[in-house]
Amino acid sequence: MSTPSKKFIGKRAVGQRYGGRHTRTIERWVKTRVLPPPDQIINGRGYWDVETLDAHDRQRTIDAANQRSPVRTIEIETEEGLANTS
């Protein structure tokens, strides 16, 4: 049984994946580490493995969730006195 071949996409397709961004924006994002570097460079052009981008997106989502501030406790006054809720 053969293994499925990896799917590589170019800079323009990466830009489309992230909301129609310009290819220059993709270059800047790689430089500032918003995106990982290309997995392959062929004739001076970068190509990303779709699985690499998927993994990168999952990790950024996890990192963003971990950086959110914790739920704040709110005090509500009831007939019995103050009650803490989350």
PDB file of N, CA and C in Angstrom:
ATOM      1  N   MET A   1       0.848  -1.181   0.000  1.00  0.00           N
ATOM      2  CA  MET A   1       0.000   0.000   0.000  1.00  0.00           C
ATOM      3  C   MET A   1       0.893   1.243   0.000  1.00  0.00           C
ATOM      4  N   SER A   2       0.626   2.171  -0.860  1.00  0.00           N
ATOM      5  CA  SER A   2       1.435   3.378  -0.935  1.00  0.00           C
ATOM      6  C   SER A   2       0.938   4.412   0.066  1.00  0.00           C
ATOM      7  N   THR A   3       1.873   5.232   0.522  1.00  0.00           N
ATOM      8  CA  THR A   3       1.502   6.295   1.454  1.00  0.00           C
ATOM      9  C   THR A   3       0.988   7.489   0.666  1.00  0.00           C
ATOM     10  N   PRO A   4       0.032   8.219   1.214  1.00  0.00           N
ATOM     11  CA  PRO A   4      -0.477   9.377   0.476  1.00  0.00           C
ATOM     12  C   PRO A   4       0.607  10.445   0.351  1.00  0.00           C
ATOM     13  N   SER A   5       0.672  11.067  -0.816  1.00  0.00           N
ATOM     14  CA  SER A   5       1.680  12.095  -1.024  1.00  0.00           C
ATOM     15  C   SER A   5       1.280  13.373  -0.290  1.00  0.00           C
ATOM     16  N   LYS A   6       2.290  14.102   0.131  1.00  0.00           N
ATOM     17  CA  LYS A   6       2.034  15.357   0.830  1.00  0.00           C
ATOM     18  C   LYS A   6       1.560  16.399  -0.165  1.00  0.00           C
ATOM     19  N   LYS A   7       0.730  17.312   0.323  1.00  0.00           N
ATOM     20  CA  LYS A   7       0.248  18.376  -0.535  1.00  0.00           C
ATOM     21  C   LYS A   7       0.994  19.657  -0.164  1.00  0.00           C
ATOM     22  N   PHE A   8       1.670  20.222  -1.128  1.00  0.00           N
ATOM     23  CA  PHE A   8       2.408  21.460  -0.932  1.00  0.00           C
ATOM     24  C   PHE A   8       1.696  22.584  -1.663  1.00  0.00           C
ATOM     25  N   ILE A   9       1.681  23.764  -1.027  1.00  0.00           N
ATOM     26  CA  ILE A   9       1.059  24.927  -1.648  1.00  0.00           C
ATOM     27  C   ILE A   9       2.059  26.080  -1.656  1.00  0.00           C
ATOM     28  N   GLY A  10       1.919  26.940  -2.650  1.00  0.00           N
ATOM     29  CA  GLY A  10       2.804  28.085  -2.798  1.00  0.00           C
ATOM     30  C   GLY A  10       2.338  29.287  -1.992  1.00  0.00           C
ATOM     31  N   LYS A  11       3.110  30.347  -2.119  1.00  0.00           N
ATOM     32  CA  LYS A  11       2.867  31.563  -1.344  1.00  0.00           C
ATOM     33  C   LYS A  11       1.493  32.165  -1.621  1.00  0.00           C
ATOM     34  N   ARG A  12       1.071  32.173  -2.871  1.00  0.00           N
ATOM     35  CA  ARG A  12      -0.232  32.736  -3.219  1.00  0.00           C
ATOM     36  C   ARG A  12      -1.364  31.942  -2.558  1.00  0.00           C
ATOM     37  N   ALA A  13      -1.253  30.606  -2.590  1.00  0.00           N
ATOM     38  CA  ALA A  13      -2.276  29.754  -1.961  1.00  0.00           C
ATOM     39  C   ALA A  13      -2.270  29.917  -0.446  1.00  0.00           C
ATOM     40  N   VAL A  14      -1.093  30.112   0.144  1.00  0.00           N
ATOM     41  CA  VAL A  14      -1.028  30.364   1.588  1.00  0.00           C
ATOM     42  C   VAL A  14      -1.739  31.675   1.905  1.00  0.00           C
ATOM     43  N   GLY A  15      -1.528  32.683   1.075  1.00  0.00           N
ATOM     44  CA  GLY A  15      -2.224  33.958   1.266  1.00  0.00           C
ATOM     45  C   GLY A  15      -3.728  33.801   1.181  1.00  0.00           C
ATOM     46  N   GLN A  16      -4.202  33.009   0.241  1.00  0.00           N
ATOM     47  CA  GLN A  16      -5.644  32.755   0.126  1.00  0.00           C
ATOM     48  C   GLN A  16      -6.168  32.012   1.348  1.00  0.00           C
ATOM     49  N   ARG A  17      -5.381  31.102   1.854  1.00  0.00           N
ATOM     50  CA  ARG A  17      -5.772  30.339   3.051  1.00  0.00           C
ATOM     51  C   ARG A  17      -6.003  31.262   4.241  1.00  0.00           C
ATOM     52  N   TYR A  18      -5.234  32.328   4.335  1.00  0.00           N
ATOM     53  CA  TYR A  18      -5.338  33.257   5.460  1.00  0.00           C
ATOM     54  C   TYR A  18      -6.061  34.544   5.075  1.00  0.00           C
ATOM     55  N   GLY A  19      -7.140  34.406   4.352  1.00  0.00           N
ATOM     56  CA  GLY A  19      -8.022  35.542   4.094  1.00  0.00           C
ATOM     57  C   GLY A  19      -7.641  36.423   2.938  1.00  0.00           C
ATOM     58  N   GLY A  20      -6.993  35.880   1.920  1.00  0.00           N
ATOM     59  CA  GLY A  20      -6.664  36.672   0.747  1.00  0.00           C
ATOM     60  C   GLY A  20      -5.502  37.623   0.958  1.00  0.00           C
ATOM     61  N   ARG A  21      -4.581  37.239   1.819  1.00  0.00           N
ATOM     62  CA  ARG A  21      -3.414  38.093   2.082  1.00  0.00           C
ATOM     63  C   ARG A  21      -2.479  38.119   0.881  1.00  0.00           C
ATOM     64  N   HIS A  22      -1.799  39.228   0.716  1.00  0.00           N
ATOM     65  CA  HIS A  22      -0.848  39.415  -0.369  1.00  0.00           C
ATOM     66  C   HIS A  22       0.394  38.553  -0.120  1.00  0.00           C
ATOM     67  N   THR A  23       1.075  38.184  -1.192  1.00  0.00           N
ATOM     68  CA  THR A  23       2.266  37.349  -1.048  1.00  0.00           C
ATOM     69  C   THR A  23       3.347  38.047  -0.214  1.00  0.00           C
ATOM     70  N   ARG A  24       3.415  39.352  -0.310  1.00  0.00           N
ATOM     71  CA  ARG A  24       4.404  40.101   0.496  1.00  0.00           C
ATOM     72  C   ARG A  24       4.075  39.988   1.980  1.00  0.00           C
ATOM     73  N   THR A  25       2.792  39.948   2.314  1.00  0.00           N
ATOM     74  CA  THR A  25       2.393  39.773   3.708  1.00  0.00           C
ATOM     75  C   THR A  25       2.862  38.413   4.213  1.00  0.00           C
ATOM     76  N   ILE A  26       2.736  37.378   3.391  1.00  0.00           N
ATOM     77  CA  ILE A  26       3.194  36.045   3.775  1.00  0.00           C
ATOM     78  C   ILE A  26       4.699  36.069   4.037  1.00  0.00           C
ATOM     79  N   GLU A  27       5.460  36.771   3.203  1.00  0.00           N
ATOM     80  CA  GLU A  27       6.907  36.899   3.419  1.00  0.00           C
ATOM     81  C   GLU A  27       7.200  37.569   4.761  1.00  0.00           C
ATOM     82  N   ARG A  28       6.468  38.635   5.059  1.00  0.00           N
ATOM     83  CA  ARG A  28       6.670  39.333   6.339  1.00  0.00           C
ATOM     84  C   ARG A  28       6.304  38.439   7.510  1.00  0.00           C
ATOM     85  N   TRP A  29       5.212  37.671   7.380  1.00  0.00           N
ATOM     86  CA  TRP A  29       4.794  36.781   8.461  1.00  0.00           C
ATOM     87  C   TRP A  29       5.831  35.686   8.717  1.00  0.00           C
ATOM     88  N   VAL A  30       6.472  35.208   7.669  1.00  0.00           N
ATOM     89  CA  VAL A  30       7.530  34.210   7.854  1.00  0.00           C
ATOM     90  C   VAL A  30       8.712  34.869   8.564  1.00  0.00           C
ATOM     91  N   LYS A  31       9.056  36.064   8.152  1.00  0.00           N
ATOM     92  CA  LYS A  31      10.190  36.775   8.747  1.00  0.00           C
ATOM     93  C   LYS A  31       9.960  37.063  10.228  1.00  0.00           C
ATOM     94  N   THR A  32       8.730  37.393  10.593  1.00  0.00           N
ATOM     95  CA  THR A  32       8.415  37.705  11.995  1.00  0.00           C
ATOM     96  C   THR A  32       7.899  36.490  12.765  1.00  0.00           C
ATOM     97  N   ARG A  33       7.973  35.323  12.145  1.00  0.00           N
ATOM     98  CA  ARG A  33       7.594  34.042  12.746  1.00  0.00           C
ATOM     99  C   ARG A  33       6.118  33.909  13.076  1.00  0.00           C
ATOM    100  N   VAL A  34       5.287  34.638  12.356  1.00  0.00           N
ATOM    101  CA  VAL A  34       3.838  34.431  12.461  1.00  0.00           C
ATOM    102  C   VAL A  34       3.490  33.128  11.765  1.00  0.00           C
ATOM    103  N   LEU A  35       4.207  32.828  10.691  1.00  0.00           N
ATOM    104  CA  LEU A  35       4.054  31.574   9.954  1.00  0.00           C
ATOM    105  C   LEU A  35       5.390  30.840   9.957  1.00  0.00           C
ATOM    106  N   PRO A  36       5.350  29.509   9.855  1.00  0.00           N
ATOM    107  CA  PRO A  36       6.613  28.775   9.756  1.00  0.00           C
ATOM    108  C   PRO A  36       7.259  28.998   8.390  1.00  0.00           C
ATOM    109  N   PRO A  37       8.556  28.766   8.288  1.00  0.00           N
ATOM    110  CA  PRO A  37       9.204  28.908   6.982  1.00  0.00           C
ATOM    111  C   PRO A  37       8.721  27.820   6.026  1.00  0.00           C
ATOM    112  N   PRO A  38       8.908  28.022   4.731  1.00  0.00           N
ATOM    113  CA  PRO A  38       8.485  26.997   3.761  1.00  0.00           C
ATOM    114  C   PRO A  38       9.179  25.668   4.030  1.00  0.00           C
ATOM    115  N   ASP A  39       8.467  24.580   3.747  1.00  0.00           N
ATOM    116  CA  ASP A  39       9.035  23.248   3.932  1.00  0.00           C
ATOM    117  C   ASP A  39       9.985  22.882   2.796  1.00  0.00           C
ATOM    118  N   GLN A  40       9.730  23.427   1.621  1.00  0.00           N
ATOM    119  CA  GLN A  40      10.590  23.181   0.468  1.00  0.00           C
ATOM    120  C   GLN A  40      10.812  24.482  -0.274  1.00  0.00           C
ATOM    121  N   ILE A  41      11.989  24.616  -0.838  1.00  0.00           N
ATOM    122  CA  ILE A  41      12.271  25.740  -1.731  1.00  0.00           C
ATOM    123  C   ILE A  41      12.745  25.142  -3.047  1.00  0.00           C
ATOM    124  N   ILE A  42      11.987  25.416  -4.089  1.00  0.00           N
ATOM    125  CA  ILE A  42      12.296  24.889  -5.417  1.00  0.00           C
ATOM    126  C   ILE A  42      12.426  26.081  -6.363  1.00  0.00           C
ATOM    127  N   ASN A  43      13.578  26.210  -6.997  1.00  0.00           N
ATOM    128  CA  ASN A  43      13.858  27.336  -7.901  1.00  0.00           C
ATOM    129  C   ASN A  43      13.588  28.680  -7.231  1.00  0.00           C
ATOM    130  N   GLY A  44      13.959  28.787  -5.965  1.00  0.00           N
ATOM    131  CA  GLY A  44      13.818  30.042  -5.240  1.00  0.00           C
ATOM    132  C   GLY A  44      12.407  30.340  -4.749  1.00  0.00           C
ATOM    133  N   ARG A  45      11.491  29.412  -4.916  1.00  0.00           N
ATOM    134  CA  ARG A  45      10.101  29.617  -4.479  1.00  0.00           C
ATOM    135  C   ARG A  45       9.787  28.691  -3.316  1.00  0.00           C
ATOM    136  N   GLY A  46       9.120  29.253  -2.313  1.00  0.00           N
ATOM    137  CA  GLY A  46       8.785  28.481  -1.127  1.00  0.00           C
ATOM    138  C   GLY A  46       7.463  27.753  -1.269  1.00  0.00           C
ATOM    139  N   TYR A  47       7.435  26.535  -0.726  1.00  0.00           N
ATOM    140  CA  TYR A  47       6.225  25.719  -0.719  1.00  0.00           C
ATOM    141  C   TYR A  47       6.023  25.139   0.677  1.00  0.00           C
ATOM    142  N   TRP A  48       4.788  25.251   1.166  1.00  0.00           N
ATOM    143  CA  TRP A  48       4.440  24.772   2.495  1.00  0.00           C
ATOM    144  C   TRP A  48       3.647  23.475   2.396  1.00  0.00           C
ATOM    145  N   ASP A  49       3.948  22.551   3.292  1.00  0.00           N
ATOM    146  CA  ASP A  49       3.148  21.342   3.438  1.00  0.00           C
ATOM    147  C   ASP A  49       1.870  21.752   4.169  1.00  0.00           C
ATOM    148  N   VAL A  50       0.730  21.368   3.639  1.00  0.00           N
ATOM    149  CA  VAL A  50      -0.555  21.746   4.241  1.00  0.00           C
ATOM    150  C   VAL A  50      -0.641  21.228   5.675  1.00  0.00           C
ATOM    151  N   GLU A  51      -0.111  20.042   5.927  1.00  0.00           N
ATOM    152  CA  GLU A  51      -0.130  19.485   7.279  1.00  0.00           C
ATOM    153  C   GLU A  51       0.688  20.339   8.246  1.00  0.00           C
ATOM    154  N   THR A  52       1.790  20.900   7.782  1.00  0.00           N
ATOM    155  CA  THR A  52       2.601  21.790   8.618  1.00  0.00           C
ATOM    156  C   THR A  52       1.804  23.028   9.001  1.00  0.00           C
ATOM    157  N   LEU A  53       1.101  23.620   8.035  1.00  0.00           N
ATOM    158  CA  LEU A  53       0.285  24.800   8.325  1.00  0.00           C
ATOM    159  C   LEU A  53      -0.863  24.455   9.266  1.00  0.00           C
ATOM    160  N   ASP A  54      -1.479  23.283   9.074  1.00  0.00           N
ATOM    161  CA  ASP A  54      -2.561  22.859   9.968  1.00  0.00           C
ATOM    162  C   ASP A  54      -2.054  22.722  11.401  1.00  0.00           C
ATOM    163  N   ALA A  55      -0.896  22.092  11.566  1.00  0.00           N
ATOM    164  CA  ALA A  55      -0.319  21.912  12.899  1.00  0.00           C
ATOM    165  C   ALA A  55       0.036  23.269  13.521  1.00  0.00           C
ATOM    166  N   HIS A  56       0.577  24.160  12.704  1.00  0.00           N
ATOM    167  CA  HIS A  56       0.919  25.503  13.184  1.00  0.00           C
ATOM    168  C   HIS A  56      -0.342  26.250  13.642  1.00  0.00           C
ATOM    169  N   ASP A  57      -1.414  26.151  12.873  1.00  0.00           N
ATOM    170  CA  ASP A  57      -2.673  26.812  13.245  1.00  0.00           C
ATOM    171  C   ASP A  57      -3.222  26.244  14.551  1.00  0.00           C
ATOM    172  N   ARG A  58      -3.167  24.924  14.709  1.00  0.00           N
ATOM    173  CA  ARG A  58      -3.645  24.311  15.958  1.00  0.00           C
ATOM    174  C   ARG A  58      -2.832  24.809  17.147  1.00  0.00           C
ATOM    175  N   GLN A  59      -1.513  24.879  16.998  1.00  0.00           N
ATOM    176  CA  GLN A  59      -0.656  25.324  18.094  1.00  0.00           C
ATOM    177  C   GLN A  59      -0.911  26.782  18.444  1.00  0.00           C
ATOM    178  N   ARG A  60      -1.119  27.627  17.438  1.00  0.00           N
ATOM    179  CA  ARG A  60      -1.409  29.043  17.712  1.00  0.00           C
ATOM    180  C   ARG A  60      -2.741  29.197  18.436  1.00  0.00           C
ATOM    181  N   THR A  61      -3.719  28.354  18.102  1.00  0.00           N
ATOM    182  CA  THR A  61      -5.010  28.395  18.778  1.00  0.00           C
ATOM    183  C   THR A  61      -4.844  28.005  20.246  1.00  0.00           C
ATOM    184  N   ILE A  62      -4.062  26.963  20.502  1.00  0.00           N
ATOM    185  CA  ILE A  62      -3.814  26.524  21.878  1.00  0.00           C
ATOM    186  C   ILE A  62      -3.077  27.607  22.646  1.00  0.00           C
ATOM    187  N   ASP A  63      -2.043  28.194  22.039  1.00  0.00           N
ATOM    188  CA  ASP A  63      -1.283  29.251  22.702  1.00  0.00           C
ATOM    189  C   ASP A  63      -2.155  30.453  23.031  1.00  0.00           C
ATOM    190  N   ALA A  64      -3.020  30.827  22.103  1.00  0.00           N
ATOM    191  CA  ALA A  64      -3.907  31.969  22.335  1.00  0.00           C
ATOM    192  C   ALA A  64      -4.885  31.677  23.470  1.00  0.00           C
ATOM    193  N   ALA A  65      -5.389  30.448  23.533  1.00  0.00           N
ATOM    194  CA  ALA A  65      -6.324  30.077  24.600  1.00  0.00           C
ATOM    195  C   ALA A  65      -5.630  30.096  25.955  1.00  0.00           C
ATOM    196  N   ASN A  66      -4.369  29.699  25.994  1.00  0.00           N
ATOM    197  CA  ASN A  66      -3.623  29.679  27.257  1.00  0.00           C
ATOM    198  C   ASN A  66      -3.250  31.077  27.734  1.00  0.00           C
ATOM    199  N   GLN A  67      -3.202  32.042  26.834  1.00  0.00           N
ATOM    200  CA  GLN A  67      -2.823  33.404  27.208  1.00  0.00           C
ATOM    201  C   GLN A  67      -4.009  34.238  27.660  1.00  0.00           C
ATOM    202  N   ARG A  68      -5.218  33.743  27.472  1.00  0.00           N
ATOM    203  CA  ARG A  68      -6.390  34.502  27.903  1.00  0.00           C
ATOM    204  C   ARG A  68      -6.401  34.608  29.413  1.00  0.00           C
ATOM    205  N   SER A  69      -6.952  35.702  29.905  1.00  0.00           N
ATOM    206  CA  SER A  69      -7.016  35.896  31.346  1.00  0.00           C
ATOM    207  C   SER A  69      -8.048  34.953  31.951  1.00  0.00           C
ATOM    208  N   PRO A  70      -7.829  34.527  33.183  1.00  0.00           N
ATOM    209  CA  PRO A  70      -8.780  33.623  33.815  1.00  0.00           C
ATOM    210  C   PRO A  70     -10.126  34.303  34.051  1.00  0.00           C
ATOM    211  N   VAL A  71     -11.120  33.476  34.250  1.00  0.00           N
ATOM    212  CA  VAL A  71     -12.464  33.998  34.510  1.00  0.00           C
ATOM    213  C   VAL A  71     -12.445  34.763  35.824  1.00  0.00           C
ATOM    214  N   ARG A  72     -13.004  35.940  35.813  1.00  0.00           N
ATOM    215  CA  ARG A  72     -13.034  36.753  37.025  1.00  0.00           C
ATOM    216  C   ARG A  72     -14.217  36.367  37.893  1.00  0.00           C
ATOM    217  N   THR A  73     -14.025  36.488  39.180  1.00  0.00           N
ATOM    218  CA  THR A  73     -15.089  36.200  40.122  1.00  0.00           C
ATOM    219  C   THR A  73     -15.934  37.456  40.305  1.00  0.00           C
ATOM    220  N   ILE A  74     -17.237  37.272  40.291  1.00  0.00           N
ATOM    221  CA  ILE A  74     -18.168  38.384  40.448  1.00  0.00           C
ATOM    222  C   ILE A  74     -18.934  38.180  41.753  1.00  0.00           C
ATOM    223  N   GLU A  75     -19.030  39.212  42.524  1.00  0.00           N
ATOM    224  CA  GLU A  75     -19.811  39.130  43.760  1.00  0.00           C
ATOM    225  C   GLU A  75     -21.220  39.636  43.489  1.00  0.00           C
ATOM    226  N   ILE A  76     -22.186  38.828  43.855  1.00  0.00           N
ATOM    227  CA  ILE A  76     -23.588  39.187  43.672  1.00  0.00           C
ATOM    228  C   ILE A  76     -24.232  39.294  45.047  1.00  0.00           C
ATOM    229  N   GLU A  77     -24.927  40.374  45.266  1.00  0.00           N
ATOM    230  CA  GLU A  77     -25.598  40.540  46.554  1.00  0.00           C
ATOM    231  C   GLU A  77     -26.966  39.872  46.483  1.00  0.00           C
ATOM    232  N   THR A  78     -27.181  38.950  47.410  1.00  0.00           N
ATOM    233  CA  THR A  78     -28.460  38.264  47.495  1.00  0.00           C
ATOM    234  C   THR A  78     -29.103  38.602  48.829  1.00  0.00           C
ATOM    235  N   GLU A  79     -30.277  38.077  49.058  1.00  0.00           N
ATOM    236  CA  GLU A  79     -30.972  38.326  50.320  1.00  0.00           C
ATOM    237  C   GLU A  79     -30.178  37.772  51.497  1.00  0.00           C
ATOM    238  N   GLU A  80     -29.411  36.688  51.259  1.00  0.00           N
ATOM    239  CA  GLU A  80     -28.620  36.073  52.326  1.00  0.00           C
ATOM    240  C   GLU A  80     -27.291  36.765  52.518  1.00  0.00           C
ATOM    241  N   GLY A  81     -26.881  37.648  51.648  1.00  0.00           N
ATOM    242  CA  GLY A  81     -25.588  38.308  51.714  1.00  0.00           C
ATOM    243  C   GLY A  81     -24.883  38.227  50.376  1.00  0.00           C
ATOM    244  N   LEU A  82     -23.576  38.352  50.420  1.00  0.00           N
ATOM    245  CA  LEU A  82     -22.801  38.305  49.181  1.00  0.00           C
ATOM    246  C   LEU A  82     -22.518  36.863  48.783  1.00  0.00           C
ATOM    247  N   ALA A  83     -22.591  36.578  47.492  1.00  0.00           N
ATOM    248  CA  ALA A  83     -22.277  35.262  46.951  1.00  0.00           C
ATOM    249  C   ALA A  83     -21.253  35.417  45.840  1.00  0.00           C
ATOM    250  N   ASN A  84     -20.249  34.545  45.819  1.00  0.00           N
ATOM    251  CA  ASN A  84     -19.237  34.556  44.758  1.00  0.00           C
ATOM    252  C   ASN A  84     -19.659  33.621  43.640  1.00  0.00           C
ATOM    253  N   THR A  85     -19.533  34.114  42.409  1.00  0.00           N
ATOM    254  CA  THR A  85     -19.808  33.275  41.240  1.00  0.00           C
ATOM    255  C   THR A  85     -18.656  33.416  40.269  1.00  0.00           C
ATOM    256  N   SER A  86     -18.532  32.462  39.390  1.00  0.00           N
ATOM    257  CA  SER A  86     -17.488  32.518  38.363  1.00  0.00           C
ATOM    258  C   SER A  86     -18.117  32.719  37.021  1.00  0.00           C
TER     259      SER A  86
END
